[in-house]
Amino acid sequence: MRRLLTILALLAVLGFAIFWVVTAPRPLPASAVAGLAGDAQRGEAVFWAGGCASCHAAPEAKGDAVLVLGGGQRFPSPFGTFLAPNISPDPDHGIGGWSLLDLANAMTRGVSPKGQHYFPAFPYASFIHAELQDVADLKAFLDTLPASASPSLPHEVPFPFNIRRSLGGWKLLFLREPWVITDALTPAEQRGRTLVEALGHCGECHTPRNLLGGMDRSRWLAGAPDPSGKGIIPNITPAKLNWTGAEIAAYLATGFTPEFDSVGGHMAKVVDNFARLPQADREAVAAYLKRVPAIP
């Protein structure tokens, strides 16, 4: 019995050691951003494409207030309720003290400056596709915004989902660098892929998820239950979205469908963001959506 207990104890220690190594955060090397200089003007376009204000501005913020990224919005999910943090340039409560490498690690690897895993409610599973130059440009723009002294509020996530170390296992399963659509694409379609798969993180809402919360890439953009439990987020593959490219681009600029219905819910914020981008970007999104496999 003593020998058996010793073996079991050793196996437990070995198992924990393997778990600890496998689930360790994997940040970018400092060399990944060496020499990158951000441009705030280009960063503003990245900001709107990424919908940063839609999540990180105060609830119900309007006008210039959407540029005060003090956080506080609540995002319910099957795993708990996540609260958007302060990402304003405030050095104490926001990200004013972050380096470019800190932001790049957060966005593309889901790793905090303290070396902890972020919950994937922050869409780093999409931002992993972003160019690091885009991250540098975004940081340059974020640094120009007003600071907010509002402290970030804690997430309301129950056990066992609040064990951040376990997210290392989640990342091994679902944090993937290859694009979803890997076909040969035109330059416009490639730009659309960047906007949809990476910066705009459209798949985070429009793609169904498995039991562990990973996006089911085999049903890319085929629609999904709303995480709040209210309603369905629509299928935007060609199987259901049969609008012309011009109609899709117009919807992203005006919020009006070809049937003259108007956008609602969180998508209204997406339209507000995309309306600030060049017409060519909206046309690029439309061109990409036409290349996505049709999934009934």
C-alpha atoms as a PDB file:
ATOM      1  CA  MET A   1       0.000   0.000   0.000  1.00  0.00           C
ATOM      2  CA  ARG A   2       2.817   2.410   0.881  1.00  0.00           C
ATOM      3  CA  ARG A   3       4.523   1.695  -2.443  1.00  0.00           C
ATOM      4  CA  LEU A   4       1.260   2.235  -4.314  1.00  0.00           C
ATOM      5  CA  LEU A   5       0.693   5.563  -2.570  1.00  0.00           C
ATOM      6  CA  THR A   6       4.234   6.625  -3.411  1.00  0.00           C
ATOM      7  CA  ILE A   7       3.702   5.783  -7.085  1.00  0.00           C
ATOM      8  CA  LEU A   8       0.399   7.643  -7.144  1.00  0.00           C
ATOM      9  CA  ALA A   9       1.999  10.678  -5.499  1.00  0.00           C
ATOM     10  CA  LEU A  10       4.817  10.661  -8.058  1.00  0.00           C
ATOM     11  CA  LEU A  11       2.328  10.359 -10.922  1.00  0.00           C
ATOM     12  CA  ALA A  12       0.341  13.261  -9.495  1.00  0.00           C
ATOM     13  CA  VAL A  13       3.460  15.423  -9.278  1.00  0.00           C
ATOM     14  CA  LEU A  14       4.472  14.432 -12.808  1.00  0.00           C
ATOM     15  CA  GLY A  15       0.968  15.161 -14.109  1.00  0.00           C
ATOM     16  CA  PHE A  16       0.930  18.573 -12.461  1.00  0.00           C
ATOM     17  CA  ALA A  17       4.380  19.361 -13.872  1.00  0.00           C
ATOM     18  CA  ILE A  18       3.225  18.433 -17.382  1.00  0.00           C
ATOM     19  CA  PHE A  19       0.066  20.519 -16.945  1.00  0.00           C
ATOM     20  CA  TRP A  20       2.114  23.486 -15.733  1.00  0.00           C
ATOM     21  CA  VAL A  21       4.472  23.325 -18.716  1.00  0.00           C
ATOM     22  CA  VAL A  22       1.790  22.691 -21.348  1.00  0.00           C
ATOM     23  CA  THR A  23      -0.469  25.493 -20.119  1.00  0.00           C
ATOM     24  CA  ALA A  24       2.255  28.121 -19.714  1.00  0.00           C
ATOM     25  CA  PRO A  25       1.634  31.472 -21.461  1.00  0.00           C
ATOM     26  CA  ARG A  26       3.582  31.810 -24.702  1.00  0.00           C
ATOM     27  CA  PRO A  27       4.255  35.496 -25.329  1.00  0.00           C
ATOM     28  CA  LEU A  28       5.942  36.930 -28.390  1.00  0.00           C
ATOM     29  CA  PRO A  29       9.702  37.481 -28.294  1.00  0.00           C
ATOM     30  CA  ALA A  30      10.776  41.111 -27.972  1.00  0.00           C
ATOM     31  CA  SER A  31      12.295  40.858 -31.452  1.00  0.00           C
ATOM     32  CA  ALA A  32       8.803  40.492 -32.946  1.00  0.00           C
ATOM     33  CA  VAL A  33       8.128  44.220 -32.575  1.00  0.00           C
ATOM     34  CA  ALA A  34      11.682  45.502 -32.814  1.00  0.00           C
ATOM     35  CA  GLY A  35      11.895  48.447 -35.177  1.00  0.00           C
ATOM     36  CA  LEU A  36       8.129  48.899 -35.522  1.00  0.00           C
ATOM     37  CA  ALA A  37       6.917  52.497 -35.347  1.00  0.00           C
ATOM     38  CA  GLY A  38       3.204  53.198 -35.079  1.00  0.00           C
ATOM     39  CA  ASP A  39       1.294  55.748 -37.120  1.00  0.00           C
ATOM     40  CA  ALA A  40      -1.723  57.209 -35.305  1.00  0.00           C
ATOM     41  CA  GLN A  41      -3.569  58.085 -38.521  1.00  0.00           C
ATOM     42  CA  ARG A  42      -3.395  54.512 -39.764  1.00  0.00           C
ATOM     43  CA  GLY A  43      -4.117  53.361 -36.216  1.00  0.00           C
ATOM     44  CA  GLU A  44      -7.449  55.174 -36.211  1.00  0.00           C
ATOM     45  CA  ALA A  45      -8.629  52.951 -39.063  1.00  0.00           C
ATOM     46  CA  VAL A  46      -7.472  49.871 -37.133  1.00  0.00           C
ATOM     47  CA  PHE A  47      -9.339  51.183 -34.088  1.00  0.00           C
ATOM     48  CA  TRP A  48     -12.657  51.442 -35.919  1.00  0.00           C
ATOM     49  CA  ALA A  49     -12.184  48.195 -37.811  1.00  0.00           C
ATOM     50  CA  GLY A  50     -11.502  46.414 -34.518  1.00  0.00           C
ATOM     51  CA  GLY A  51     -14.539  47.893 -32.797  1.00  0.00           C
ATOM     52  CA  CYS A  52     -12.501  48.885 -29.741  1.00  0.00           C
ATOM     53  CA  ALA A  53     -14.955  51.566 -28.635  1.00  0.00           C
ATOM     54  CA  SER A  54     -17.926  49.236 -29.068  1.00  0.00           C
ATOM     55  CA  CYS A  55     -16.715  47.138 -26.142  1.00  0.00           C
ATOM     56  CA  HIS A  56     -14.455  49.390 -24.083  1.00  0.00           C
ATOM     57  CA  ALA A  57     -16.398  52.664 -23.989  1.00  0.00           C
ATOM     58  CA  ALA A  58     -18.800  53.153 -21.110  1.00  0.00           C
ATOM     59  CA  PRO A  59     -22.265  51.630 -21.563  1.00  0.00           C
ATOM     60  CA  GLU A  60     -24.516  53.874 -23.647  1.00  0.00           C
ATOM     61  CA  ALA A  61     -21.649  56.267 -24.475  1.00  0.00           C
ATOM     62  CA  LYS A  62     -22.432  58.645 -27.340  1.00  0.00           C
ATOM     63  CA  GLY A  63     -20.510  61.135 -29.445  1.00  0.00           C
ATOM     64  CA  ASP A  64     -16.975  61.916 -28.326  1.00  0.00           C
ATOM     65  CA  ALA A  65     -17.575  59.878 -25.158  1.00  0.00           C
ATOM     66  CA  VAL A  66     -17.049  56.679 -27.166  1.00  0.00           C
ATOM     67  CA  LEU A  67     -13.361  57.594 -27.304  1.00  0.00           C
ATOM     68  CA  VAL A  68     -13.074  57.408 -23.505  1.00  0.00           C
ATOM     69  CA  LEU A  69     -12.255  53.725 -23.123  1.00  0.00           C
ATOM     70  CA  GLY A  70     -12.902  53.316 -19.409  1.00  0.00           C
ATOM     71  CA  GLY A  71     -14.626  49.943 -19.819  1.00  0.00           C
ATOM     72  CA  GLY A  72     -17.498  48.604 -17.758  1.00  0.00           C
ATOM     73  CA  GLN A  73     -19.736  47.024 -20.397  1.00  0.00           C
ATOM     74  CA  ARG A  74     -21.039  43.573 -19.455  1.00  0.00           C
ATOM     75  CA  PHE A  75     -20.905  40.577 -21.809  1.00  0.00           C
ATOM     76  CA  PRO A  76     -22.844  37.525 -20.611  1.00  0.00           C
ATOM     77  CA  SER A  77     -21.840  34.072 -21.838  1.00  0.00           C
ATOM     78  CA  PRO A  78     -22.385  30.410 -20.901  1.00  0.00           C
ATOM     79  CA  PHE A  79     -19.152  30.617 -18.875  1.00  0.00           C
ATOM     80  CA  GLY A  80     -19.978  33.721 -16.866  1.00  0.00           C
ATOM     81  CA  THR A  81     -20.225  37.465 -17.399  1.00  0.00           C
ATOM     82  CA  PHE A  82     -17.174  39.328 -18.647  1.00  0.00           C
ATOM     83  CA  LEU A  83     -16.673  43.035 -18.017  1.00  0.00           C
ATOM     84  CA  ALA A  84     -14.695  45.101 -20.502  1.00  0.00           C
ATOM     85  CA  PRO A  85     -11.591  46.606 -18.858  1.00  0.00           C
ATOM     86  CA  ASN A  86     -10.227  50.130 -19.022  1.00  0.00           C
ATOM     87  CA  ILE A  87      -7.892  50.392 -22.049  1.00  0.00           C
ATOM     88  CA  SER A  88      -7.515  54.173 -21.967  1.00  0.00           C
ATOM     89  CA  PRO A  89      -4.024  55.737 -21.675  1.00  0.00           C
ATOM     90  CA  ASP A  90      -4.422  56.176 -17.920  1.00  0.00           C
ATOM     91  CA  PRO A  91      -1.166  54.829 -16.412  1.00  0.00           C
ATOM     92  CA  ASP A  92      -2.803  53.473 -13.252  1.00  0.00           C
ATOM     93  CA  HIS A  93      -6.189  52.120 -14.342  1.00  0.00           C
ATOM     94  CA  GLY A  94      -5.709  51.783 -18.097  1.00  0.00           C
ATOM     95  CA  ILE A  95      -2.908  50.687 -20.390  1.00  0.00           C
ATOM     96  CA  GLY A  96      -0.929  53.928 -20.423  1.00  0.00           C
ATOM     97  CA  GLY A  97       2.099  52.144 -19.016  1.00  0.00           C
ATOM     98  CA  TRP A  98       2.084  49.362 -21.597  1.00  0.00           C
ATOM     99  CA  SER A  99       4.779  48.913 -24.213  1.00  0.00           C
ATOM    100  CA  LEU A 100       4.064  47.920 -27.802  1.00  0.00           C
ATOM    101  CA  LEU A 101       5.167  44.392 -26.907  1.00  0.00           C
ATOM    102  CA  ASP A 102       2.625  44.332 -24.059  1.00  0.00           C
ATOM    103  CA  LEU A 103      -0.207  45.267 -26.423  1.00  0.00           C
ATOM    104  CA  ALA A 104       0.955  42.828 -29.093  1.00  0.00           C
ATOM    105  CA  ASN A 105       1.067  40.000 -26.538  1.00  0.00           C
ATOM    106  CA  ALA A 106      -2.402  40.879 -25.268  1.00  0.00           C
ATOM    107  CA  MET A 107      -3.976  41.101 -28.705  1.00  0.00           C
ATOM    108  CA  THR A 108      -2.294  38.251 -30.551  1.00  0.00           C
ATOM    109  CA  ARG A 109      -1.379  35.835 -27.763  1.00  0.00           C
ATOM    110  CA  GLY A 110      -3.891  36.592 -25.015  1.00  0.00           C
ATOM    111  CA  VAL A 111      -1.129  37.190 -22.475  1.00  0.00           C
ATOM    112  CA  SER A 112      -1.123  40.061 -19.981  1.00  0.00           C
ATOM    113  CA  PRO A 113       1.950  42.154 -19.098  1.00  0.00           C
ATOM    114  CA  LYS A 114       2.085  40.150 -15.861  1.00  0.00           C
ATOM    115  CA  GLY A 115       2.265  36.892 -17.792  1.00  0.00           C
ATOM    116  CA  GLN A 116      -1.293  35.689 -17.148  1.00  0.00           C
ATOM    117  CA  HIS A 117      -3.749  34.293 -19.669  1.00  0.00           C
ATOM    118  CA  TYR A 118      -6.606  36.532 -20.732  1.00  0.00           C
ATOM    119  CA  PHE A 119     -10.060  35.054 -21.105  1.00  0.00           C
ATOM    120  CA  PRO A 120     -10.966  34.549 -24.793  1.00  0.00           C
ATOM    121  CA  ALA A 121     -13.915  36.921 -24.405  1.00  0.00           C
ATOM    122  CA  PHE A 122     -11.132  39.266 -25.520  1.00  0.00           C
ATOM    123  CA  PRO A 123     -11.003  38.128 -29.180  1.00  0.00           C
ATOM    124  CA  TYR A 124      -7.315  37.282 -29.432  1.00  0.00           C
ATOM    125  CA  ALA A 125      -8.309  34.086 -31.250  1.00  0.00           C
ATOM    126  CA  SER A 126      -9.116  36.457 -34.134  1.00  0.00           C
ATOM    127  CA  PHE A 127      -6.514  39.160 -33.481  1.00  0.00           C
ATOM    128  CA  ILE A 128      -3.787  36.508 -33.782  1.00  0.00           C
ATOM    129  CA  HIS A 129      -4.150  37.068 -37.547  1.00  0.00           C
ATOM    130  CA  ALA A 130      -3.482  40.804 -37.275  1.00  0.00           C
ATOM    131  CA  GLU A 131      -0.251  42.255 -38.618  1.00  0.00           C
ATOM    132  CA  LEU A 132       2.003  43.514 -35.840  1.00  0.00           C
ATOM    133  CA  GLN A 133       2.330  46.771 -37.779  1.00  0.00           C
ATOM    134  CA  ASP A 134      -1.434  47.204 -37.345  1.00  0.00           C
ATOM    135  CA  VAL A 135      -0.971  46.671 -33.599  1.00  0.00           C
ATOM    136  CA  ALA A 136       1.779  49.310 -33.538  1.00  0.00           C
ATOM    137  CA  ASP A 137      -0.442  51.746 -35.417  1.00  0.00           C
ATOM    138  CA  LEU A 138      -3.341  51.039 -33.078  1.00  0.00           C
ATOM    139  CA  LYS A 139      -1.184  51.723 -30.029  1.00  0.00           C
ATOM    140  CA  ALA A 140      -0.087  55.034 -31.517  1.00  0.00           C
ATOM    141  CA  PHE A 141      -3.751  56.025 -31.872  1.00  0.00           C
ATOM    142  CA  LEU A 142      -4.801  54.724 -28.442  1.00  0.00           C
ATOM    143  CA  ASP A 143      -2.081  56.857 -26.870  1.00  0.00           C
ATOM    144  CA  THR A 144      -3.804  59.982 -28.249  1.00  0.00           C
ATOM    145  CA  LEU A 145      -7.167  59.257 -26.598  1.00  0.00           C
ATOM    146  CA  PRO A 146      -8.473  60.683 -23.298  1.00  0.00           C
ATOM    147  CA  ALA A 147      -7.412  58.920 -20.132  1.00  0.00           C
ATOM    148  CA  SER A 148     -10.031  57.493 -17.778  1.00  0.00           C
ATOM    149  CA  ALA A 149      -9.442  56.880 -14.073  1.00  0.00           C
ATOM    150  CA  SER A 150     -12.262  54.312 -13.876  1.00  0.00           C
ATOM    151  CA  PRO A 151     -10.842  51.089 -12.440  1.00  0.00           C
ATOM    152  CA  SER A 152     -11.437  47.887 -14.384  1.00  0.00           C
ATOM    153  CA  LEU A 153     -14.107  45.740 -12.781  1.00  0.00           C
ATOM    154  CA  PRO A 154     -13.564  42.020 -12.083  1.00  0.00           C
ATOM    155  CA  HIS A 155     -15.166  39.416 -14.294  1.00  0.00           C
ATOM    156  CA  GLU A 156     -18.026  37.396 -12.847  1.00  0.00           C
ATOM    157  CA  VAL A 157     -16.831  33.930 -13.826  1.00  0.00           C
ATOM    158  CA  PRO A 158     -17.538  30.937 -11.565  1.00  0.00           C
ATOM    159  CA  PHE A 159     -15.291  27.978 -10.769  1.00  0.00           C
ATOM    160  CA  PRO A 160     -13.801  26.156 -12.653  1.00  0.00           C
ATOM    161  CA  PHE A 161     -13.854  28.598 -15.562  1.00  0.00           C
ATOM    162  CA  ASN A 162     -12.048  31.222 -13.473  1.00  0.00           C
ATOM    163  CA  ILE A 163      -8.853  29.125 -13.367  1.00  0.00           C
ATOM    164  CA  ARG A 164      -6.783  31.154 -15.795  1.00  0.00           C
ATOM    165  CA  ARG A 165      -3.995  28.603 -16.053  1.00  0.00           C
ATOM    166  CA  SER A 166      -6.392  26.175 -17.719  1.00  0.00           C
ATOM    167  CA  LEU A 167      -6.724  28.655 -20.580  1.00  0.00           C
ATOM    168  CA  GLY A 168      -3.322  27.479 -21.729  1.00  0.00           C
ATOM    169  CA  GLY A 169      -4.996  24.205 -22.668  1.00  0.00           C
ATOM    170  CA  TRP A 170      -7.789  26.114 -24.402  1.00  0.00           C
ATOM    171  CA  LYS A 171      -5.222  27.977 -26.461  1.00  0.00           C
ATOM    172  CA  LEU A 172      -3.510  24.753 -27.506  1.00  0.00           C
ATOM    173  CA  LEU A 173      -6.837  23.617 -28.927  1.00  0.00           C
ATOM    174  CA  PHE A 174      -8.220  26.793 -30.444  1.00  0.00           C
ATOM    175  CA  LEU A 175      -5.592  29.538 -30.828  1.00  0.00           C
ATOM    176  CA  ARG A 176      -4.628  28.959 -34.446  1.00  0.00           C
ATOM    177  CA  GLU A 177      -2.467  31.090 -36.692  1.00  0.00           C
ATOM    178  CA  PRO A 178      -3.562  29.864 -40.181  1.00  0.00           C
ATOM    179  CA  TRP A 179      -6.338  31.787 -41.885  1.00  0.00           C
ATOM    180  CA  VAL A 180      -9.752  30.154 -42.142  1.00  0.00           C
ATOM    181  CA  ILE A 181     -10.035  30.857 -45.859  1.00  0.00           C
ATOM    182  CA  THR A 182      -6.771  29.846 -47.471  1.00  0.00           C
ATOM    183  CA  ASP A 183      -7.809  29.889 -51.148  1.00  0.00           C
ATOM    184  CA  ALA A 184      -6.014  32.136 -53.620  1.00  0.00           C
ATOM    185  CA  LEU A 185      -7.646  35.532 -53.144  1.00  0.00           C
ATOM    186  CA  THR A 186      -7.569  38.816 -55.018  1.00  0.00           C
ATOM    187  CA  PRO A 187      -5.997  41.803 -53.218  1.00  0.00           C
ATOM    188  CA  ALA A 188      -9.484  43.084 -52.351  1.00  0.00           C
ATOM    189  CA  GLU A 189     -10.503  39.680 -50.983  1.00  0.00           C
ATOM    190  CA  GLN A 190      -7.278  39.512 -48.953  1.00  0.00           C
ATOM    191  CA  ARG A 191      -8.075  42.897 -47.425  1.00  0.00           C
ATOM    192  CA  GLY A 192     -11.581  41.642 -46.689  1.00  0.00           C
ATOM    193  CA  ARG A 193     -10.121  38.565 -45.005  1.00  0.00           C
ATOM    194  CA  THR A 194      -7.994  40.774 -42.778  1.00  0.00           C
ATOM    195  CA  LEU A 195     -11.042  42.831 -41.829  1.00  0.00           C
ATOM    196  CA  VAL A 196     -13.381  39.870 -41.258  1.00  0.00           C
ATOM    197  CA  GLU A 197     -11.120  37.163 -39.822  1.00  0.00           C
ATOM    198  CA  ALA A 198      -8.688  39.399 -37.905  1.00  0.00           C
ATOM    199  CA  LEU A 199      -9.416  43.035 -37.079  1.00  0.00           C
ATOM    200  CA  GLY A 200     -13.212  42.934 -37.293  1.00  0.00           C
ATOM    201  CA  HIS A 201     -13.333  39.508 -35.547  1.00  0.00           C
ATOM    202  CA  CYS A 202     -16.680  38.776 -37.210  1.00  0.00           C
ATOM    203  CA  GLY A 203     -16.369  35.060 -36.564  1.00  0.00           C
ATOM    204  CA  GLU A 204     -16.468  35.626 -32.805  1.00  0.00           C
ATOM    205  CA  CYS A 205     -20.196  36.266 -33.059  1.00  0.00           C
ATOM    206  CA  HIS A 206     -21.254  34.741 -36.376  1.00  0.00           C
ATOM    207  CA  THR A 207     -19.544  31.332 -35.998  1.00  0.00           C
ATOM    208  CA  PRO A 208     -21.001  28.581 -33.777  1.00  0.00           C
ATOM    209  CA  ARG A 209     -18.909  27.370 -30.861  1.00  0.00           C
ATOM    210  CA  ASN A 210     -18.258  23.960 -29.374  1.00  0.00           C
ATOM    211  CA  LEU A 211     -18.779  22.949 -25.749  1.00  0.00           C
ATOM    212  CA  LEU A 212     -15.414  24.433 -24.753  1.00  0.00           C
ATOM    213  CA  GLY A 213     -16.180  27.780 -26.348  1.00  0.00           C
ATOM    214  CA  GLY A 214     -13.905  27.408 -29.374  1.00  0.00           C
ATOM    215  CA  MET A 215     -15.104  28.609 -32.754  1.00  0.00           C
ATOM    216  CA  ASP A 216     -16.183  25.762 -35.054  1.00  0.00           C
ATOM    217  CA  ARG A 217     -14.136  26.740 -38.086  1.00  0.00           C
ATOM    218  CA  SER A 218     -15.852  24.038 -40.177  1.00  0.00           C
ATOM    219  CA  ARG A 219     -19.033  26.156 -39.907  1.00  0.00           C
ATOM    220  CA  TRP A 220     -17.355  29.504 -40.397  1.00  0.00           C
ATOM    221  CA  LEU A 221     -19.820  32.430 -40.236  1.00  0.00           C
ATOM    222  CA  ALA A 222     -22.803  30.044 -40.364  1.00  0.00           C
ATOM    223  CA  GLY A 223     -24.640  31.749 -37.494  1.00  0.00           C
ATOM    224  CA  ALA A 224     -24.762  31.051 -33.781  1.00  0.00           C
ATOM    225  CA  PRO A 225     -26.877  31.509 -30.658  1.00  0.00           C
ATOM    226  CA  ASP A 226     -26.465  34.908 -29.052  1.00  0.00           C
ATOM    227  CA  PRO A 227     -24.193  34.445 -25.978  1.00  0.00           C
ATOM    228  CA  SER A 228     -26.758  36.357 -23.915  1.00  0.00           C
ATOM    229  CA  GLY A 229     -29.236  33.546 -24.574  1.00  0.00           C
ATOM    230  CA  LYS A 230     -31.558  35.866 -26.476  1.00  0.00           C
ATOM    231  CA  GLY A 231     -31.936  35.228 -30.191  1.00  0.00           C
ATOM    232  CA  ILE A 232     -29.712  34.012 -32.986  1.00  0.00           C
ATOM    233  CA  ILE A 233     -26.803  35.767 -34.673  1.00  0.00           C
ATOM    234  CA  PRO A 234     -27.404  35.261 -38.406  1.00  0.00           C
ATOM    235  CA  ASN A 235     -25.655  33.113 -40.951  1.00  0.00           C
ATOM    236  CA  ILE A 236     -23.648  35.446 -43.233  1.00  0.00           C
ATOM    237  CA  THR A 237     -22.316  32.815 -45.642  1.00  0.00           C
ATOM    238  CA  PRO A 238     -23.695  32.905 -49.223  1.00  0.00           C
ATOM    239  CA  ALA A 239     -26.198  30.197 -48.215  1.00  0.00           C
ATOM    240  CA  LYS A 240     -28.213  32.825 -46.353  1.00  0.00           C
ATOM    241  CA  LEU A 241     -26.718  36.215 -47.180  1.00  0.00           C
ATOM    242  CA  ASN A 242     -27.767  36.524 -50.812  1.00  0.00           C
ATOM    243  CA  TRP A 243     -27.246  40.271 -51.153  1.00  0.00           C
ATOM    244  CA  THR A 244     -25.031  41.646 -53.881  1.00  0.00           C
ATOM    245  CA  GLY A 245     -21.591  42.925 -53.020  1.00  0.00           C
ATOM    246  CA  ALA A 246     -22.830  46.479 -53.447  1.00  0.00           C
ATOM    247  CA  GLU A 247     -25.742  45.824 -51.081  1.00  0.00           C
ATOM    248  CA  ILE A 248     -23.421  44.407 -48.415  1.00  0.00           C
ATOM    249  CA  ALA A 249     -21.116  47.417 -48.701  1.00  0.00           C
ATOM    250  CA  ALA A 250     -24.085  49.785 -48.508  1.00  0.00           C
ATOM    251  CA  TYR A 251     -25.416  48.028 -45.408  1.00  0.00           C
ATOM    252  CA  LEU A 252     -22.046  48.462 -43.673  1.00  0.00           C
ATOM    253  CA  ALA A 253     -22.154  52.174 -44.493  1.00  0.00           C
ATOM    254  CA  THR A 254     -25.798  52.997 -43.753  1.00  0.00           C
ATOM    255  CA  GLY A 255     -27.272  50.197 -41.631  1.00  0.00           C
ATOM    256  CA  PHE A 256     -30.113  49.699 -44.115  1.00  0.00           C
ATOM    257  CA  THR A 257     -30.785  46.314 -45.724  1.00  0.00           C
ATOM    258  CA  PRO A 258     -31.878  45.997 -49.365  1.00  0.00           C
ATOM    259  CA  GLU A 259     -35.430  45.622 -47.985  1.00  0.00           C
ATOM    260  CA  PHE A 260     -35.024  48.973 -46.151  1.00  0.00           C
ATOM    261  CA  ASP A 261     -35.010  47.348 -42.745  1.00  0.00           C
ATOM    262  CA  SER A 262     -32.559  48.912 -40.320  1.00  0.00           C
ATOM    263  CA  VAL A 263     -29.739  47.389 -38.304  1.00  0.00           C
ATOM    264  CA  GLY A 264     -30.275  46.703 -34.608  1.00  0.00           C
ATOM    265  CA  GLY A 265     -28.582  45.299 -31.522  1.00  0.00           C
ATOM    266  CA  HIS A 266     -24.810  45.149 -31.275  1.00  0.00           C
ATOM    267  CA  MET A 267     -24.567  45.131 -35.072  1.00  0.00           C
ATOM    268  CA  ALA A 268     -25.557  48.792 -35.026  1.00  0.00           C
ATOM    269  CA  LYS A 269     -22.207  49.537 -33.385  1.00  0.00           C
ATOM    270  CA  VAL A 270     -20.419  47.486 -36.032  1.00  0.00           C
ATOM    271  CA  VAL A 271     -22.064  49.570 -38.753  1.00  0.00           C
ATOM    272  CA  ASP A 272     -21.115  52.780 -36.928  1.00  0.00           C
ATOM    273  CA  ASN A 273     -17.521  51.582 -36.959  1.00  0.00           C
ATOM    274  CA  PHE A 274     -17.402  50.394 -40.565  1.00  0.00           C
ATOM    275  CA  ALA A 275     -19.087  53.564 -41.775  1.00  0.00           C
ATOM    276  CA  ARG A 276     -15.895  55.380 -40.709  1.00  0.00           C
ATOM    277  CA  LEU A 277     -13.698  53.213 -42.940  1.00  0.00           C
ATOM    278  CA  PRO A 278     -12.971  53.841 -46.627  1.00  0.00           C
ATOM    279  CA  GLN A 279     -15.526  52.582 -49.133  1.00  0.00           C
ATOM    280  CA  ALA A 280     -12.865  50.219 -50.471  1.00  0.00           C
ATOM    281  CA  ASP A 281     -12.755  48.434 -47.109  1.00  0.00           C
ATOM    282  CA  ARG A 282     -16.507  47.848 -47.071  1.00  0.00           C
ATOM    283  CA  GLU A 283     -16.302  46.544 -50.645  1.00  0.00           C
ATOM    284  CA  ALA A 284     -13.416  44.297 -49.574  1.00  0.00           C
ATOM    285  CA  VAL A 285     -15.551  42.777 -46.804  1.00  0.00           C
ATOM    286  CA  ALA A 286     -18.314  42.133 -49.324  1.00  0.00           C
ATOM    287  CA  ALA A 287     -15.872  40.516 -51.757  1.00  0.00           C
ATOM    288  CA  TYR A 288     -14.533  38.241 -49.005  1.00  0.00           C
ATOM    289  CA  LEU A 289     -18.005  37.200 -47.844  1.00  0.00           C
ATOM    290  CA  LYS A 290     -18.790  36.141 -51.417  1.00  0.00           C
ATOM    291  CA  ARG A 291     -15.806  33.752 -51.264  1.00  0.00           C
ATOM    292  CA  VAL A 292     -16.780  32.097 -47.980  1.00  0.00           C
ATOM    293  CA  PRO A 293     -18.188  28.566 -48.440  1.00  0.00           C
ATOM    294  CA  ALA A 294     -21.981  28.483 -48.353  1.00  0.00           C
ATOM    295  CA  ILE A 295     -23.119  26.641 -45.218  1.00  0.00           C
ATOM    296  CA  PRO A 296     -26.867  26.041 -44.783  1.00  0.00           C
END
